[in-house]
């Protein structure tokens, strides 16, 4: 007799787990607005990989002029600032020899005394970028806001500013472009426009929901969003206080031939976001733009594998889990499971750190874990039930020691075999009398 080592229930369990994970991946494709549990955990895995990689060197061409707390409190210079004061900042940067000036401030409202002054300052800039705002309300009405007429033909480019927050409220990407139905024109993110001007590239004409072409370089998109390869946490780039720029506290070489991004860093202006590096110490929107420009200029792109790779990873994990559960030793199965989990984690990190490629993480890892734990647990319970049945059956006919031998060998023939033995007969004095 052989004690049962495997049960068909193992195959059923593996199939159920694999089917659940595959259906989750399919749901993510057809219902992108619905966040599955594995997607949410994938976000955490991506953030962990980025933190494990650590801070990287930033592009020295990019600097930030900050609308910070010091600038807002300096001589009661409350927000919003006059256009004339913004013009002082721009003029100082022009005199310092800035290559590109990007202004992360809306110029929609009228400033009769300052608009002409600021427009003239930007005319003197070698290259400049400002913002538009494009949105669709709940009734489907398309609204496009442009800078005041005084700035018409002043800026070299205009762009949208949209930082994408994922379902867990962490900023990992920016909206690459948006279509205006009225003007029938696409507006690209101002970070992309800054990078384009830096490369002296022509306006973008080739793009889709998966990529766009900039200077003959194909830039990957993830559903019209560009994944930002953050170089580090907040304050990774050189930051100079706007008020101190006007005061002349910084040497001109700090801005010479630089890409200067002017934007808010003060938390009071509510333009700060959690990023993969930290959800507590938030990063300003202008710093996220700096990271985006850096990624574009240095081709440090992040990519997500297509959905079919997720399905393939789940099936491979299910197959390996099946092989692992073929062993009759639960301890060995658990050890092999953890070895598989850690090995795949190392492979995941290798592809991210070397090529910026995000493999599926939680779905195959979950398949490894549940695909081994559940069948192994079922197998252990089935074996224990079988042992109890054998004990109850044979303990009425043979000694407990022989029952345990039967259970350990799993072979009833081990109790029925020919052996060579030696018998010693000895009379004990007085025993028989």
Foldseek 3Di string as FASTA:
>chain_A
DFFDQADVVLVVLLVVLLVVLLVQLVCCVVPVVDQDPLNVVLLLLVLVLLVVLPFDAFDLQEEEAAQAPCVCPPVVQHPPHALQLVLLLLQLLLVLAFQEEEEADAQQDDDPVRLLSNLVSLQSHNAYEYEKEWDADPVRDTDIGDHDPSNVVSHPAYAHWAFDQPPVFATFWGQQWDAGPVVRDIGGHVLVVLLLVLVVWDDWDADDLAWTAHPNDTAGHHRRIFGFSDNHAAPSHHYHYSVVSSVVVDRSNSRHHHYYYYDYDYCVVVQWGHYSRGRVRTHGSSSSSSSVNRCVNVVVGAEEDDSVLVSVLSVVLSVVLVVLSVDSDLVSSVVVLVVVLVVVSVVQSVCCSPPNYHYSRSNSNVSSVSSNVVSSVVSVVSLVVSLVVQCVVCVVPDPPVVSVVCSVVSDPCVVPDDDDDDDDDDDDPPPVD
